[in-house]
Amino acid sequence: MGPGAGAAKIGAMRVTVLLFASLKDEVGPAFAVEIGEAATVADLRRALEAAHPAFARFGRRAMVAVNEAYAADRDPVRPGDTVALLPPVAGG
């Protein structure tokens, strides 16, 4: 598999997560992961952290958007959702 095409098998639903900023630089523009069908954003975070060390570095500091709206850890992730992971950025 080429850069950005990594995957981890954890459940029954395959979700492709769009990546931005430093995560995109390190992992690629998107990352596919499998999670359970009744998964939440928190489940998705755990699956990503287990799949690649780049995700573990950011933990809960990275923002998750589902269908172009920021999502809380308790929010569901459903088949067909567009999911994006935005790491924190610094500026000044």
Protein backbone atom coordinates (compact mmCIF):
# COMPACT_ATOMS: atom_id res chain seq x y z
CA MET A 1 0.00 0.00 0.00
CA GLY A 2 1.20 3.47 -0.80
CA PRO A 3 1.32 6.49 1.52
CA GLY A 4 -2.06 7.52 2.82
CA ALA A 5 -3.62 4.17 1.93
CA GLY A 6 -3.06 2.50 5.31
CA ALA A 7 -5.84 0.62 7.03
CA ALA A 8 -6.50 -1.16 10.29
CA LYS A 9 -9.18 -3.84 10.65
CA ILE A 10 -11.10 -3.38 13.89
CA GLY A 11 -14.77 -3.97 13.09
CA ALA A 12 -17.46 -3.97 10.48
CA MET A 13 -17.63 -0.46 8.98
CA ARG A 14 -14.88 1.06 6.84
CA VAL A 15 -14.45 4.80 7.31
CA THR A 16 -12.11 7.02 5.34
CA VAL A 17 -10.83 9.95 7.36
CA LEU A 18 -9.61 13.07 5.56
CA LEU A 19 -6.42 14.47 7.08
CA PHE A 20 -5.07 18.00 7.23
CA ALA A 21 -1.95 19.95 8.24
CA SER A 22 0.85 17.91 9.84
CA LEU A 23 -1.19 14.69 9.81
CA LYS A 24 -1.61 15.01 6.06
CA ASP A 25 2.14 15.61 5.70
CA GLU A 26 3.01 12.51 7.71
CA VAL A 27 0.26 10.01 6.84
CA GLY A 28 -1.21 11.25 3.55
CA PRO A 29 -4.44 12.99 2.52
CA ALA A 30 -6.70 10.20 3.78
CA PHE A 31 -6.58 7.11 6.00
CA ALA A 32 -9.05 4.21 6.00
CA VAL A 33 -9.94 2.36 9.18
CA GLU A 34 -12.56 -0.23 10.13
CA ILE A 35 -14.72 0.29 13.20
CA GLY A 36 -17.87 -1.26 14.64
CA GLU A 37 -21.20 -0.34 13.06
CA ALA A 38 -22.45 1.42 16.22
CA ALA A 39 -19.21 3.39 16.58
CA THR A 40 -18.80 6.84 18.05
CA VAL A 41 -16.15 9.47 17.41
CA ALA A 42 -14.34 8.16 20.53
CA ASP A 43 -14.25 4.65 18.99
CA LEU A 44 -12.88 6.13 15.78
CA ARG A 45 -10.14 7.97 17.72
CA ARG A 46 -9.11 4.73 19.46
CA ALA A 47 -8.99 2.85 16.16
CA LEU A 48 -6.85 5.54 14.55
CA GLU A 49 -4.47 5.69 17.51
CA ALA A 50 -4.02 1.91 17.37
CA ALA A 51 -3.44 2.00 13.62
CA HIS A 52 -0.73 4.66 13.31
CA PRO A 53 1.57 6.42 15.80
CA ALA A 54 0.93 9.83 14.22
CA PHE A 55 -2.65 9.78 15.51
CA ALA A 56 -1.60 8.79 19.04
CA ARG A 57 0.58 11.92 19.34
CA PHE A 58 -2.42 14.22 19.06
CA GLY A 59 -4.96 12.26 21.09
CA ARG A 60 -8.01 14.32 21.98
CA ARG A 61 -6.32 17.57 20.93
CA ALA A 62 -7.21 16.84 17.29
CA MET A 63 -10.66 18.03 16.26
CA VAL A 64 -12.99 15.65 14.45
CA ALA A 65 -15.61 16.81 11.98
CA VAL A 66 -18.38 14.55 10.73
CA ASN A 67 -20.23 15.74 7.63
CA GLU A 68 -18.56 19.17 7.89
CA ALA A 69 -19.61 19.83 11.51
CA TYR A 70 -17.38 19.50 14.56
CA ALA A 71 -18.23 16.33 16.46
CA ALA A 72 -17.97 15.35 20.13
CA ASP A 73 -16.57 11.99 21.22
CA ARG A 74 -20.09 10.72 21.99
CA ASP A 75 -21.41 11.50 18.47
CA PRO A 76 -22.04 8.54 16.14
CA VAL A 77 -20.11 7.75 12.98
CA ARG A 78 -22.30 6.14 10.33
CA PRO A 79 -21.63 4.48 6.98
CA GLY A 80 -21.20 7.10 4.29
CA ASP A 81 -20.24 9.90 6.68
CA THR A 82 -17.50 12.28 5.62
CA VAL A 83 -15.02 12.40 8.50
CA ALA A 84 -12.11 14.84 8.85
CA LEU A 85 -9.37 15.00 11.47
CA LEU A 86 -7.76 18.37 12.12
CA PRO A 87 -4.70 18.48 14.35
CA PRO A 88 -4.06 21.55 16.49
CA VAL A 89 -2.13 24.33 14.80
CA ALA A 90 0.05 27.02 16.31
CA GLY A 91 0.53 30.48 15.02
CA GLY A 92 1.49 33.85 16.12
